[in-house]
Amino acid sequence: MLSIEQALAVQNDAAAHKAHGLSTPARFVVSGMLAGAYLGIGVVLMLSTAGPITAAGSGAGKLVSGAVFGAALTLVVFAGGELATSSMMTLTQGALMRRVHAGRAALALGVTVVANLLGAVAFSALVAGAGVMHSNPGAAAMLTDMLAAKAHESPGELFLRGILCNVLVCLAIWMCARLTTDGPKIAVILLAILAFIASGFEHVVANMTTYALGMMLGVGDATWAHFGSNMLWVGLGNLVGGALLVGMAYWFVGGSPRAERPRESAEEADSAPGVVRRPH
């Protein structure tokens, strides 16, 4: 397992790669769309498996939801894709280490959010057109109940649940950065996602599919107003959880490393060498 300092160097390179992706915008957007679709796969898998269990009155629905949703982040990590929630941590660390400029990091994150949304909507359209929810009443009922619950959560609750969610998601990615073999990486992803889903926390990209499906299927609580509020407050919460409570926290724990000198342009930032520990 890598040390925290070594993992920060890995994250430094990952941040530079993400920022450099903006130079080929079409490929960057497609990568983000794939990640949005992969999270959608997790949502539909959760509905399809846990929905009938919950409809039957079993209390195991949350456990099953958490157990299967980890497939989504596993796909993102091993197939490859630009996911906004993990980028909140990685790009923050890259900016703190001066590998990428803060403005370019923010732009990359914004484009990733839009690309994730496009992928989630496209995947939702395929699922709705295929009649997957209609052929599984338990899944449809669970989708309706989920959207009703989200509609009754206050902005403060959405924000705090977003923080808690992305702490766990980014911890999964951070632990993957420290690990050097694939089996343990899958294990930590599954455990972290189990905790986030079973606890009822909120993930902005997963909710893109939840709301898109609800709108396409005519669920009453899937309104534009609820969707916009959810994206805003959950997204802000995810940003705080990923960027500050994981990204900045481990940058500080790892000695607050920085590049040897500030970079004045995005191109220079992307090609910067490794980092050195800042003198104290």
C-alpha atoms as a PDB file:
ATOM      1  CA  MET A   1       0.000   0.000   0.000  1.00  0.00           C
ATOM      2  CA  LEU A   2       1.265   3.471  -0.855  1.00  0.00           C
ATOM      3  CA  SER A   3       1.910   6.059   1.811  1.00  0.00           C
ATOM      4  CA  ILE A   4      -0.297   9.127   2.013  1.00  0.00           C
ATOM      5  CA  GLU A   5       2.490  11.192   0.439  1.00  0.00           C
ATOM      6  CA  GLN A   6       2.834   8.717  -2.443  1.00  0.00           C
ATOM      7  CA  ALA A   7      -0.941   8.637  -2.941  1.00  0.00           C
ATOM      8  CA  LEU A   8      -0.951  12.431  -3.199  1.00  0.00           C
ATOM      9  CA  ALA A   9       1.584  12.167  -6.015  1.00  0.00           C
ATOM     10  CA  VAL A  10      -0.778   9.739  -7.779  1.00  0.00           C
ATOM     11  CA  GLN A  11      -3.651  12.177  -7.290  1.00  0.00           C
ATOM     12  CA  ASN A  12      -1.464  15.007  -8.544  1.00  0.00           C
ATOM     13  CA  ASP A  13      -0.962  13.184 -11.843  1.00  0.00           C
ATOM     14  CA  ALA A  14      -4.659  12.275 -12.022  1.00  0.00           C
ATOM     15  CA  ALA A  15      -5.653  15.923 -11.571  1.00  0.00           C
ATOM     16  CA  ALA A  16      -3.297  16.983 -14.358  1.00  0.00           C
ATOM     17  CA  HIS A  17      -4.773  14.307 -16.622  1.00  0.00           C
ATOM     18  CA  LYS A  18      -8.312  15.543 -15.926  1.00  0.00           C
ATOM     19  CA  ALA A  19      -7.389  19.171 -16.577  1.00  0.00           C
ATOM     20  CA  HIS A  20      -5.518  18.247 -19.738  1.00  0.00           C
ATOM     21  CA  GLY A  21      -8.639  16.444 -20.961  1.00  0.00           C
ATOM     22  CA  LEU A  22     -10.200  19.822 -21.698  1.00  0.00           C
ATOM     23  CA  SER A  23      -7.815  20.135 -24.640  1.00  0.00           C
ATOM     24  CA  THR A  24      -9.814  17.359 -26.361  1.00  0.00           C
ATOM     25  CA  PRO A  25     -13.329  18.385 -25.316  1.00  0.00           C
ATOM     26  CA  ALA A  26     -15.268  15.792 -27.321  1.00  0.00           C
ATOM     27  CA  ARG A  27     -13.378  12.906 -25.746  1.00  0.00           C
ATOM     28  CA  PHE A  28     -13.622  14.512 -22.313  1.00  0.00           C
ATOM     29  CA  VAL A  29     -17.404  14.895 -22.625  1.00  0.00           C
ATOM     30  CA  VAL A  30     -17.884  11.322 -23.833  1.00  0.00           C
ATOM     31  CA  SER A  31     -15.830  10.073 -20.879  1.00  0.00           C
ATOM     32  CA  GLY A  32     -18.084  12.065 -18.560  1.00  0.00           C
ATOM     33  CA  MET A  33     -21.200  10.740 -20.264  1.00  0.00           C
ATOM     34  CA  LEU A  34     -19.994   7.182 -19.743  1.00  0.00           C
ATOM     35  CA  ALA A  35     -19.528   7.834 -16.041  1.00  0.00           C
ATOM     36  CA  GLY A  36     -23.032   9.300 -15.811  1.00  0.00           C
ATOM     37  CA  ALA A  37     -24.430   6.210 -17.522  1.00  0.00           C
ATOM     38  CA  TYR A  38     -22.460   3.889 -15.227  1.00  0.00           C
ATOM     39  CA  LEU A  39     -24.025   5.569 -12.193  1.00  0.00           C
ATOM     40  CA  GLY A  40     -27.363   5.086 -13.927  1.00  0.00           C
ATOM     41  CA  ILE A  41     -26.647   1.382 -14.203  1.00  0.00           C
ATOM     42  CA  GLY A  42     -26.183   1.332 -10.438  1.00  0.00           C
ATOM     43  CA  VAL A  43     -29.497   3.113  -9.882  1.00  0.00           C
ATOM     44  CA  VAL A  44     -31.445   0.735 -12.119  1.00  0.00           C
ATOM     45  CA  LEU A  45     -29.694  -2.298 -10.637  1.00  0.00           C
ATOM     46  CA  MET A  46     -30.620  -1.081  -7.167  1.00  0.00           C
ATOM     47  CA  LEU A  47     -34.260  -0.521  -8.128  1.00  0.00           C
ATOM     48  CA  SER A  48     -34.544  -3.844  -9.924  1.00  0.00           C
ATOM     49  CA  THR A  49     -33.107  -5.928  -7.082  1.00  0.00           C
ATOM     50  CA  ALA A  50     -34.099  -4.091  -3.909  1.00  0.00           C
ATOM     51  CA  GLY A  51     -37.489  -2.868  -5.168  1.00  0.00           C
ATOM     52  CA  PRO A  52     -39.231  -6.274  -5.114  1.00  0.00           C
ATOM     53  CA  ILE A  53     -37.645  -7.071  -1.728  1.00  0.00           C
ATOM     54  CA  THR A  54     -38.914  -3.815  -0.242  1.00  0.00           C
ATOM     55  CA  ALA A  55     -42.355  -4.314  -1.819  1.00  0.00           C
ATOM     56  CA  ALA A  56     -42.542  -7.716  -0.126  1.00  0.00           C
ATOM     57  CA  GLY A  57     -42.129  -6.033   3.244  1.00  0.00           C
ATOM     58  CA  SER A  58     -38.576  -7.179   3.921  1.00  0.00           C
ATOM     59  CA  GLY A  59     -36.230  -4.928   5.823  1.00  0.00           C
ATOM     60  CA  ALA A  60     -33.298  -6.125   3.740  1.00  0.00           C
ATOM     61  CA  GLY A  61     -33.976  -3.680   0.924  1.00  0.00           C
ATOM     62  CA  LYS A  62     -31.428  -1.077   2.069  1.00  0.00           C
ATOM     63  CA  LEU A  63     -28.755  -3.703   2.545  1.00  0.00           C
ATOM     64  CA  VAL A  64     -29.350  -5.111  -0.943  1.00  0.00           C
ATOM     65  CA  SER A  65     -29.375  -1.591  -2.406  1.00  0.00           C
ATOM     66  CA  GLY A  66     -26.000  -0.857  -0.878  1.00  0.00           C
ATOM     67  CA  ALA A  67     -24.555  -4.215  -1.838  1.00  0.00           C
ATOM     68  CA  VAL A  68     -25.350  -3.868  -5.542  1.00  0.00           C
ATOM     69  CA  PHE A  69     -24.815  -0.135  -6.099  1.00  0.00           C
ATOM     70  CA  GLY A  70     -21.068  -0.533  -5.737  1.00  0.00           C
ATOM     71  CA  ALA A  71     -21.129  -1.930  -9.283  1.00  0.00           C
ATOM     72  CA  ALA A  72     -21.542   1.655 -10.502  1.00  0.00           C
ATOM     73  CA  LEU A  73     -18.319   3.054  -9.059  1.00  0.00           C
ATOM     74  CA  THR A  74     -16.495  -0.169  -9.916  1.00  0.00           C
ATOM     75  CA  LEU A  75     -17.415   0.404 -13.558  1.00  0.00           C
ATOM     76  CA  VAL A  76     -16.209   4.008 -13.400  1.00  0.00           C
ATOM     77  CA  VAL A  77     -12.867   3.044 -11.864  1.00  0.00           C
ATOM     78  CA  PHE A  78     -12.066  -0.013 -13.960  1.00  0.00           C
ATOM     79  CA  ALA A  79     -13.717   0.860 -17.276  1.00  0.00           C
ATOM     80  CA  GLY A  80     -12.718   4.512 -17.052  1.00  0.00           C
ATOM     81  CA  GLY A  81     -14.873   7.619 -16.896  1.00  0.00           C
ATOM     82  CA  GLU A  82     -14.919  11.183 -15.606  1.00  0.00           C
ATOM     83  CA  LEU A  83     -17.145  11.319 -12.533  1.00  0.00           C
ATOM     84  CA  ALA A  84     -17.902  14.714 -10.998  1.00  0.00           C
ATOM     85  CA  THR A  85     -18.015  13.614  -7.371  1.00  0.00           C
ATOM     86  CA  SER A  86     -14.574  12.000  -7.309  1.00  0.00           C
ATOM     87  CA  SER A  87     -13.186  14.873  -9.419  1.00  0.00           C
ATOM     88  CA  MET A  88     -14.223  17.226  -6.617  1.00  0.00           C
ATOM     89  CA  MET A  89     -11.502  15.628  -4.506  1.00  0.00           C
ATOM     90  CA  THR A  90      -8.888  14.982  -7.175  1.00  0.00           C
ATOM     91  CA  LEU A  91      -9.011  18.393  -8.845  1.00  0.00           C
ATOM     92  CA  THR A  92      -8.947  20.127  -5.461  1.00  0.00           C
ATOM     93  CA  GLN A  93      -5.814  18.224  -4.521  1.00  0.00           C
ATOM     94  CA  GLY A  94      -4.247  19.054  -7.878  1.00  0.00           C
ATOM     95  CA  ALA A  95      -5.014  22.746  -7.373  1.00  0.00           C
ATOM     96  CA  LEU A  96      -3.646  22.714  -3.831  1.00  0.00           C
ATOM     97  CA  MET A  97      -0.455  21.065  -5.093  1.00  0.00           C
ATOM     98  CA  ARG A  98      -0.274  23.680  -7.902  1.00  0.00           C
ATOM     99  CA  ARG A  99      -0.326  21.074 -10.652  1.00  0.00           C
ATOM    100  CA  VAL A 100      -3.424  22.688 -12.132  1.00  0.00           C
ATOM    101  CA  HIS A 101      -4.762  26.207 -11.795  1.00  0.00           C
ATOM    102  CA  ALA A 102      -7.898  26.633  -9.730  1.00  0.00           C
ATOM    103  CA  GLY A 103      -9.802  28.143 -12.667  1.00  0.00           C
ATOM    104  CA  ARG A 104      -8.971  25.261 -14.968  1.00  0.00           C
ATOM    105  CA  ALA A 105      -9.881  22.780 -12.244  1.00  0.00           C
ATOM    106  CA  ALA A 106     -13.248  24.505 -11.788  1.00  0.00           C
ATOM    107  CA  LEU A 107     -13.868  24.458 -15.543  1.00  0.00           C
ATOM    108  CA  ALA A 108     -13.021  20.764 -15.759  1.00  0.00           C
ATOM    109  CA  LEU A 109     -15.400  20.028 -12.893  1.00  0.00           C
ATOM    110  CA  GLY A 110     -18.203  22.061 -14.464  1.00  0.00           C
ATOM    111  CA  VAL A 111     -17.839  20.294 -17.816  1.00  0.00           C
ATOM    112  CA  THR A 112     -17.794  16.947 -16.016  1.00  0.00           C
ATOM    113  CA  VAL A 113     -21.087  17.727 -14.249  1.00  0.00           C
ATOM    114  CA  VAL A 114     -22.772  18.586 -17.553  1.00  0.00           C
ATOM    115  CA  ALA A 115     -21.334  15.496 -19.256  1.00  0.00           C
ATOM    116  CA  ASN A 116     -22.505  13.263 -16.391  1.00  0.00           C
ATOM    117  CA  LEU A 117     -25.994  14.719 -16.767  1.00  0.00           C
ATOM    118  CA  LEU A 118     -26.034  14.061 -20.509  1.00  0.00           C
ATOM    119  CA  GLY A 119     -24.973  10.463 -19.936  1.00  0.00           C
ATOM    120  CA  ALA A 120     -27.527   9.943 -17.188  1.00  0.00           C
ATOM    121  CA  VAL A 121     -30.362  11.319 -19.332  1.00  0.00           C
ATOM    122  CA  ALA A 122     -29.362   9.227 -22.358  1.00  0.00           C
ATOM    123  CA  PHE A 123     -29.180   6.066 -20.241  1.00  0.00           C
ATOM    124  CA  SER A 124     -32.512   6.876 -18.568  1.00  0.00           C
ATOM    125  CA  ALA A 125     -34.138   7.269 -21.976  1.00  0.00           C
ATOM    126  CA  LEU A 126     -32.941   3.803 -22.957  1.00  0.00           C
ATOM    127  CA  VAL A 127     -34.253   2.279 -19.725  1.00  0.00           C
ATOM    128  CA  ALA A 128     -37.613   4.047 -19.999  1.00  0.00           C
ATOM    129  CA  GLY A 129     -37.976   3.052 -23.643  1.00  0.00           C
ATOM    130  CA  ALA A 130     -37.137  -0.550 -22.809  1.00  0.00           C
ATOM    131  CA  GLY A 131     -40.004  -0.708 -20.292  1.00  0.00           C
ATOM    132  CA  VAL A 132     -37.742  -1.973 -17.515  1.00  0.00           C
ATOM    133  CA  MET A 133     -39.687  -0.211 -14.778  1.00  0.00           C
ATOM    134  CA  HIS A 134     -43.085  -1.256 -16.143  1.00  0.00           C
ATOM    135  CA  SER A 135     -42.081  -4.911 -16.133  1.00  0.00           C
ATOM    136  CA  ASN A 136     -40.934  -4.697 -12.498  1.00  0.00           C
ATOM    137  CA  PRO A 137     -43.669  -3.170 -10.300  1.00  0.00           C
ATOM    138  CA  GLY A 138     -41.462  -3.336  -7.235  1.00  0.00           C
ATOM    139  CA  ALA A 139     -38.781  -1.283  -8.967  1.00  0.00           C
ATOM    140  CA  ALA A 140     -41.324   1.294 -10.135  1.00  0.00           C
ATOM    141  CA  ALA A 141     -42.766   1.556  -6.617  1.00  0.00           C
ATOM    142  CA  MET A 142     -39.292   2.048  -5.138  1.00  0.00           C
ATOM    143  CA  LEU A 143     -38.516   4.802  -7.652  1.00  0.00           C
ATOM    144  CA  THR A 144     -41.756   6.576  -6.719  1.00  0.00           C
ATOM    145  CA  ASP A 145     -41.016   6.254  -2.997  1.00  0.00           C
ATOM    146  CA  MET A 146     -37.446   7.508  -3.444  1.00  0.00           C
ATOM    147  CA  LEU A 147     -38.581  10.605  -5.308  1.00  0.00           C
ATOM    148  CA  ALA A 148     -41.317  11.294  -2.747  1.00  0.00           C
ATOM    149  CA  ALA A 149     -38.761  11.072   0.060  1.00  0.00           C
ATOM    150  CA  LYS A 150     -36.358  13.413  -1.731  1.00  0.00           C
ATOM    151  CA  ALA A 151     -39.168  15.921  -2.296  1.00  0.00           C
ATOM    152  CA  HIS A 152     -39.737  16.171   1.462  1.00  0.00           C
ATOM    153  CA  GLU A 153     -36.089  16.660   2.419  1.00  0.00           C
ATOM    154  CA  SER A 154     -35.199  20.240   3.312  1.00  0.00           C
ATOM    155  CA  PRO A 155     -32.300  22.047   1.601  1.00  0.00           C
ATOM    156  CA  GLY A 156     -30.261  21.652   4.779  1.00  0.00           C
ATOM    157  CA  GLU A 157     -30.897  17.916   4.887  1.00  0.00           C
ATOM    158  CA  LEU A 158     -29.999  17.518   1.215  1.00  0.00           C
ATOM    159  CA  PHE A 159     -26.803  19.510   1.750  1.00  0.00           C
ATOM    160  CA  LEU A 160     -25.690  17.478   4.773  1.00  0.00           C
ATOM    161  CA  ARG A 161     -26.586  14.160   3.152  1.00  0.00           C
ATOM    162  CA  GLY A 162     -24.557  15.262   0.148  1.00  0.00           C
ATOM    163  CA  ILE A 163     -21.548  15.941   2.367  1.00  0.00           C
ATOM    164  CA  LEU A 164     -21.810  12.531   4.026  1.00  0.00           C
ATOM    165  CA  CYS A 165     -22.234  10.778   0.697  1.00  0.00           C
ATOM    166  CA  ASN A 166     -19.199  12.208  -1.014  1.00  0.00           C
ATOM    167  CA  VAL A 167     -16.971  11.684   1.988  1.00  0.00           C
ATOM    168  CA  LEU A 168     -17.574   7.961   1.459  1.00  0.00           C
ATOM    169  CA  VAL A 169     -17.347   8.042  -2.336  1.00  0.00           C
ATOM    170  CA  CYS A 170     -14.088  10.013  -2.266  1.00  0.00           C
ATOM    171  CA  LEU A 171     -12.693   7.805   0.480  1.00  0.00           C
ATOM    172  CA  ALA A 172     -13.273   4.873  -1.876  1.00  0.00           C
ATOM    173  CA  ILE A 173     -11.300   6.625  -4.642  1.00  0.00           C
ATOM    174  CA  TRP A 174      -8.630   7.792  -2.207  1.00  0.00           C
ATOM    175  CA  MET A 175      -8.166   4.247  -0.887  1.00  0.00           C
ATOM    176  CA  CYS A 176      -7.935   2.985  -4.473  1.00  0.00           C
ATOM    177  CA  ALA A 177      -5.114   5.498  -5.034  1.00  0.00           C
ATOM    178  CA  ARG A 178      -3.247   4.004  -2.092  1.00  0.00           C
ATOM    179  CA  LEU A 179      -3.771   0.371  -3.134  1.00  0.00           C
ATOM    180  CA  THR A 180      -1.709  -1.346  -5.806  1.00  0.00           C
ATOM    181  CA  THR A 181      -3.783  -4.456  -6.617  1.00  0.00           C
ATOM    182  CA  ASP A 182      -7.261  -4.720  -8.091  1.00  0.00           C
ATOM    183  CA  GLY A 183      -8.940  -7.100  -5.629  1.00  0.00           C
ATOM    184  CA  PRO A 184      -8.570  -4.828  -2.607  1.00  0.00           C
ATOM    185  CA  LYS A 185      -9.626  -1.839  -4.704  1.00  0.00           C
ATOM    186  CA  ILE A 186     -12.929  -3.547  -5.527  1.00  0.00           C
ATOM    187  CA  ALA A 187     -13.403  -4.477  -1.871  1.00  0.00           C
ATOM    188  CA  VAL A 188     -12.968  -0.921  -0.566  1.00  0.00           C
ATOM    189  CA  ILE A 189     -15.271   0.447  -3.274  1.00  0.00           C
ATOM    190  CA  LEU A 190     -18.023  -2.012  -2.353  1.00  0.00           C
ATOM    191  CA  LEU A 191     -17.706  -1.335   1.385  1.00  0.00           C
ATOM    192  CA  ALA A 192     -17.719   2.461   1.047  1.00  0.00           C
ATOM    193  CA  ILE A 193     -20.680   2.453  -1.336  1.00  0.00           C
ATOM    194  CA  LEU A 194     -22.583   0.018   0.878  1.00  0.00           C
ATOM    195  CA  ALA A 195     -22.218   2.518   3.726  1.00  0.00           C
ATOM    196  CA  PHE A 196     -23.372   5.475   1.615  1.00  0.00           C
ATOM    197  CA  ILE A 197     -26.423   3.821   0.058  1.00  0.00           C
ATOM    198  CA  ALA A 198     -27.639   1.909   3.114  1.00  0.00           C
ATOM    199  CA  SER A 199     -27.362   5.089   5.206  1.00  0.00           C
ATOM    200  CA  GLY A 200     -29.577   7.085   2.844  1.00  0.00           C
ATOM    201  CA  PHE A 201     -27.060   9.714   1.765  1.00  0.00           C
ATOM    202  CA  GLU A 202     -27.390  11.752  -1.452  1.00  0.00           C
ATOM    203  CA  HIS A 203     -25.253  11.555  -4.611  1.00  0.00           C
ATOM    204  CA  VAL A 204     -25.763  14.256  -7.220  1.00  0.00           C
ATOM    205  CA  VAL A 205     -24.891  12.105 -10.262  1.00  0.00           C
ATOM    206  CA  ALA A 206     -26.968   9.118  -9.154  1.00  0.00           C
ATOM    207  CA  ASN A 207     -29.873  11.501  -8.615  1.00  0.00           C
ATOM    208  CA  MET A 208     -29.586  12.644 -12.223  1.00  0.00           C
ATOM    209  CA  THR A 209     -30.774   9.216 -13.332  1.00  0.00           C
ATOM    210  CA  THR A 210     -33.355   8.975 -10.549  1.00  0.00           C
ATOM    211  CA  TYR A 211     -35.007  12.241 -11.584  1.00  0.00           C
ATOM    212  CA  ALA A 212     -34.627  11.669 -15.324  1.00  0.00           C
ATOM    213  CA  LEU A 213     -36.321   8.286 -15.032  1.00  0.00           C
ATOM    214  CA  GLY A 214     -39.040   9.754 -12.846  1.00  0.00           C
ATOM    215  CA  MET A 215     -39.775  12.529 -15.333  1.00  0.00           C
ATOM    216  CA  MET A 216     -39.846  10.139 -18.275  1.00  0.00           C
ATOM    217  CA  LEU A 217     -42.182   7.779 -16.426  1.00  0.00           C
ATOM    218  CA  GLY A 218     -44.483  10.512 -15.146  1.00  0.00           C
ATOM    219  CA  VAL A 219     -43.771  10.180 -11.407  1.00  0.00           C
ATOM    220  CA  GLY A 220     -45.526  13.031  -9.607  1.00  0.00           C
ATOM    221  CA  ASP A 221     -42.626  14.165  -7.436  1.00  0.00           C
ATOM    222  CA  ALA A 222     -40.201  14.250 -10.378  1.00  0.00           C
ATOM    223  CA  THR A 223     -40.640  17.942 -11.135  1.00  0.00           C
ATOM    224  CA  TRP A 224     -38.157  20.442 -12.520  1.00  0.00           C
ATOM    225  CA  ALA A 225     -38.318  22.395  -9.260  1.00  0.00           C
ATOM    226  CA  HIS A 226     -37.451  19.371  -7.143  1.00  0.00           C
ATOM    227  CA  PHE A 227     -34.782  18.329  -9.603  1.00  0.00           C
ATOM    228  CA  GLY A 228     -33.132  21.752  -9.589  1.00  0.00           C
ATOM    229  CA  SER A 229     -33.217  21.999  -5.792  1.00  0.00           C
ATOM    230  CA  ASN A 230     -31.741  18.522  -5.432  1.00  0.00           C
ATOM    231  CA  MET A 231     -28.937  19.213  -7.898  1.00  0.00           C
ATOM    232  CA  LEU A 232     -28.056  22.478  -6.159  1.00  0.00           C
ATOM    233  CA  TRP A 233     -28.022  21.388  -2.523  1.00  0.00           C
ATOM    234  CA  VAL A 234     -26.771  17.843  -3.009  1.00  0.00           C
ATOM    235  CA  GLY A 235     -24.126  19.080  -5.450  1.00  0.00           C
ATOM    236  CA  LEU A 236     -22.888  21.684  -2.966  1.00  0.00           C
ATOM    237  CA  GLY A 237     -22.841  19.091  -0.209  1.00  0.00           C
ATOM    238  CA  ASN A 238     -20.913  16.656  -2.399  1.00  0.00           C
ATOM    239  CA  LEU A 239     -18.413  19.433  -3.159  1.00  0.00           C
ATOM    240  CA  VAL A 240     -17.806  20.161   0.525  1.00  0.00           C
ATOM    241  CA  GLY A 241     -17.507  16.488   1.396  1.00  0.00           C
ATOM    242  CA  GLY A 242     -15.163  15.611  -1.455  1.00  0.00           C
ATOM    243  CA  ALA A 243     -13.079  18.760  -1.804  1.00  0.00           C
ATOM    244  CA  LEU A 244     -12.695  19.806   1.822  1.00  0.00           C
ATOM    245  CA  LEU A 245     -13.300  16.860   4.135  1.00  0.00           C
ATOM    246  CA  VAL A 246     -11.349  14.346   2.059  1.00  0.00           C
ATOM    247  CA  GLY A 247      -9.285  16.159  -0.587  1.00  0.00           C
ATOM    248  CA  MET A 248      -7.982  19.063   1.463  1.00  0.00           C
ATOM    249  CA  ALA A 249      -7.819  17.022   4.674  1.00  0.00           C
ATOM    250  CA  TYR A 250      -5.482  14.396   3.214  1.00  0.00           C
ATOM    251  CA  TRP A 251      -3.432  17.061   1.432  1.00  0.00           C
ATOM    252  CA  PHE A 252      -2.864  18.623   4.866  1.00  0.00           C
ATOM    253  CA  VAL A 253      -2.191  15.271   6.549  1.00  0.00           C
ATOM    254  CA  GLY A 254       0.309  14.456   3.792  1.00  0.00           C
ATOM    255  CA  GLY A 255       2.402  17.544   4.575  1.00  0.00           C
ATOM    256  CA  SER A 256       0.667  20.136   2.355  1.00  0.00           C
ATOM    257  CA  PRO A 257       2.874  19.383  -0.675  1.00  0.00           C
ATOM    258  CA  ARG A 258       3.165  21.932  -3.466  1.00  0.00           C
ATOM    259  CA  ALA A 259       4.940  22.217  -6.781  1.00  0.00           C
ATOM    260  CA  GLU A 260       8.345  23.863  -6.703  1.00  0.00           C
ATOM    261  CA  ARG A 261       6.939  27.111  -8.043  1.00  0.00           C
ATOM    262  CA  PRO A 262       3.504  28.452  -9.049  1.00  0.00           C
ATOM    263  CA  ARG A 263       2.476  27.846 -12.645  1.00  0.00           C
ATOM    264  CA  GLU A 264       1.232  30.759 -14.730  1.00  0.00           C
ATOM    265  CA  SER A 265      -0.636  28.905 -17.446  1.00  0.00           C
ATOM    266  CA  ALA A 266      -2.813  25.837 -17.764  1.00  0.00           C
ATOM    267  CA  GLU A 267      -0.392  24.248 -20.213  1.00  0.00           C
ATOM    268  CA  GLU A 268       2.536  24.718 -17.832  1.00  0.00           C
ATOM    269  CA  ALA A 269       0.457  23.411 -14.940  1.00  0.00           C
ATOM    270  CA  ASP A 270      -0.451  20.246 -16.814  1.00  0.00           C
ATOM    271  CA  SER A 271       3.198  19.511 -17.589  1.00  0.00           C
ATOM    272  CA  ALA A 272       4.573  20.295 -14.121  1.00  0.00           C
ATOM    273  CA  PRO A 273       6.905  17.751 -12.529  1.00  0.00           C
ATOM    274  CA  GLY A 274       6.220  16.019  -9.229  1.00  0.00           C
ATOM    275  CA  VAL A 275       5.645  17.826  -5.982  1.00  0.00           C
ATOM    276  CA  VAL A 276       7.936  18.497  -3.076  1.00  0.00           C
ATOM    277  CA  ARG A 277       7.053  19.005   0.548  1.00  0.00           C
ATOM    278  CA  ARG A 278       6.571  22.614   1.499  1.00  0.00           C
ATOM    279  CA  PRO A 279       9.112  23.902   4.040  1.00  0.00           C
ATOM    280  CA  HIS A 280       7.640  24.488   7.477  1.00  0.00           C
END
